C-alpha cells in the first residue's frame, strides 16, 4: 500500500525537523518543496509531499499517517 502525506509549516527549523523526522521513519520526498507567503502572518510557509510504501493492512481514512 502506498501512503501519502503533505507536510506543511513555517519556513523555519521546525519545518526542517518535521521533514527530517518523516525521512527517518522511512518516508521519501515526493516532488519539489513549495513556498508561499502568508500575508496574514507575514511569514513564508513551506509544503513538502512525502510517500511511503508499506506491506501491511488496507487503507482506511481513520489511519494516523504520521504514526506510520
C-alpha atoms as a PDB file:
ATOM      1  CA  UNK A   1       0.000   0.000   0.000  1.00  0.00           C
ATOM      2  CA  UNK A   2       1.282   3.477  -0.847  1.00  0.00           C
ATOM      3  CA  UNK A   3       0.860   6.208   1.783  1.00  0.00           C
ATOM      4  CA  UNK A   4       0.965   9.963   1.081  1.00  0.00           C
ATOM      5  CA  UNK A   5       1.347  12.958   3.380  1.00  0.00           C
ATOM      6  CA  UNK A   6       1.725  16.670   2.761  1.00  0.00           C
ATOM      7  CA  UNK A   7       3.894  18.251   5.428  1.00  0.00           C
ATOM      8  CA  UNK A   8       3.343  21.976   5.947  1.00  0.00           C
ATOM      9  CA  UNK A   9       4.655  24.643   8.250  1.00  0.00           C
ATOM     10  CA  UNK A  10       6.510  27.913   8.559  1.00  0.00           C
ATOM     11  CA  UNK A  11       9.832  28.264   6.745  1.00  0.00           C
ATOM     12  CA  UNK A  12      11.986  27.668   9.814  1.00  0.00           C
ATOM     13  CA  UNK A  13      13.880  24.940  11.630  1.00  0.00           C
ATOM     14  CA  UNK A  14      10.659  23.309  12.894  1.00  0.00           C
ATOM     15  CA  UNK A  15       9.640  22.504   9.315  1.00  0.00           C
ATOM     16  CA  UNK A  16      13.065  21.043   8.553  1.00  0.00           C
ATOM     17  CA  UNK A  17      12.805  18.873  11.679  1.00  0.00           C
ATOM     18  CA  UNK A  18       9.337  17.699  10.603  1.00  0.00           C
ATOM     19  CA  UNK A  19      10.651  16.608   7.191  1.00  0.00           C
ATOM     20  CA  UNK A  20      13.780  15.037   8.721  1.00  0.00           C
ATOM     21  CA  UNK A  21      11.659  13.051  11.175  1.00  0.00           C
ATOM     22  CA  UNK A  22       9.480  11.727   8.336  1.00  0.00           C
ATOM     23  CA  UNK A  23      12.557  10.726   6.314  1.00  0.00           C
ATOM     24  CA  UNK A  24      13.967   8.855   9.306  1.00  0.00           C
ATOM     25  CA  UNK A  25      10.666   6.976   9.679  1.00  0.00           C
ATOM     26  CA  UNK A  26      11.000   5.654   6.126  1.00  0.00           C
ATOM     27  CA  UNK A  27       9.090   8.308   4.179  1.00  0.00           C
ATOM     28  CA  UNK A  28      10.586   9.561   0.899  1.00  0.00           C
ATOM     29  CA  UNK A  29      10.382  13.008  -0.654  1.00  0.00           C
ATOM     30  CA  UNK A  30       7.810  13.247  -3.448  1.00  0.00           C
ATOM     31  CA  UNK A  31       8.221  16.183  -5.786  1.00  0.00           C
ATOM     32  CA  UNK A  32       9.736  19.545  -5.001  1.00  0.00           C
ATOM     33  CA  UNK A  33       9.066  21.632  -1.907  1.00  0.00           C
ATOM     34  CA  UNK A  34       6.723  24.567  -2.359  1.00  0.00           C
ATOM     35  CA  UNK A  35       6.805  28.011  -0.743  1.00  0.00           C
ATOM     36  CA  UNK A  36       4.010  30.505  -0.249  1.00  0.00           C
ATOM     37  CA  UNK A  37       3.857  33.820   1.585  1.00  0.00           C
ATOM     38  CA  UNK A  38       1.114  34.163   4.215  1.00  0.00           C
ATOM     39  CA  UNK A  39       0.132  37.840   4.225  1.00  0.00           C
ATOM     40  CA  UNK A  40      -1.871  37.466   7.462  1.00  0.00           C
ATOM     41  CA  UNK A  41       1.130  36.265   9.475  1.00  0.00           C
ATOM     42  CA  UNK A  42       3.771  37.952   7.304  1.00  0.00           C
ATOM     43  CA  UNK A  43       5.608  34.614   7.092  1.00  0.00           C
ATOM     44  CA  UNK A  44       6.857  32.226   4.418  1.00  0.00           C
ATOM     45  CA  UNK A  45       5.166  28.818   4.551  1.00  0.00           C
ATOM     46  CA  UNK A  46       6.583  25.513   3.235  1.00  0.00           C
ATOM     47  CA  UNK A  47       4.982  22.340   1.928  1.00  0.00           C
ATOM     48  CA  UNK A  48       6.645  19.040   1.059  1.00  0.00           C
ATOM     49  CA  UNK A  49       4.903  15.871  -0.077  1.00  0.00           C
ATOM     50  CA  UNK A  50       6.241  12.554   1.180  1.00  0.00           C
ATOM     51  CA  UNK A  51       5.331   8.963   0.317  1.00  0.00           C
ATOM     52  CA  UNK A  52       5.902   5.580   1.914  1.00  0.00           C
ATOM     53  CA  UNK A  53       5.203   2.023   0.780  1.00  0.00           C
ATOM     54  CA  UNK A  54       4.042  -0.400   3.467  1.00  0.00           C
ATOM     55  CA  UNK A  55       3.301  -4.107   3.190  1.00  0.00           C
ATOM     56  CA  UNK A  56       0.562  -4.301   5.784  1.00  0.00           C
ATOM     57  CA  UNK A  57      -3.113  -3.512   6.159  1.00  0.00           C
ATOM     58  CA  UNK A  58      -5.574  -1.792   3.917  1.00  0.00           C
ATOM     59  CA  UNK A  59      -6.140   1.913   3.557  1.00  0.00           C
ATOM     60  CA  UNK A  60      -8.673   3.486   5.883  1.00  0.00           C
ATOM     61  CA  UNK A  61      -9.486   7.181   6.299  1.00  0.00           C
ATOM     62  CA  UNK A  62      -9.045   6.609  10.051  1.00  0.00           C
ATOM     63  CA  UNK A  63      -5.320   5.845   9.658  1.00  0.00           C
ATOM     64  CA  UNK A  64      -2.978   8.151  11.516  1.00  0.00           C
ATOM     65  CA  UNK A  65      -0.416   8.609   8.739  1.00  0.00           C
ATOM     66  CA  UNK A  66       2.016  10.487  10.977  1.00  0.00           C
ATOM     67  CA  UNK A  67       2.345   7.386  13.121  1.00  0.00           C
ATOM     68  CA  UNK A  68       3.203   5.113  10.186  1.00  0.00           C
END
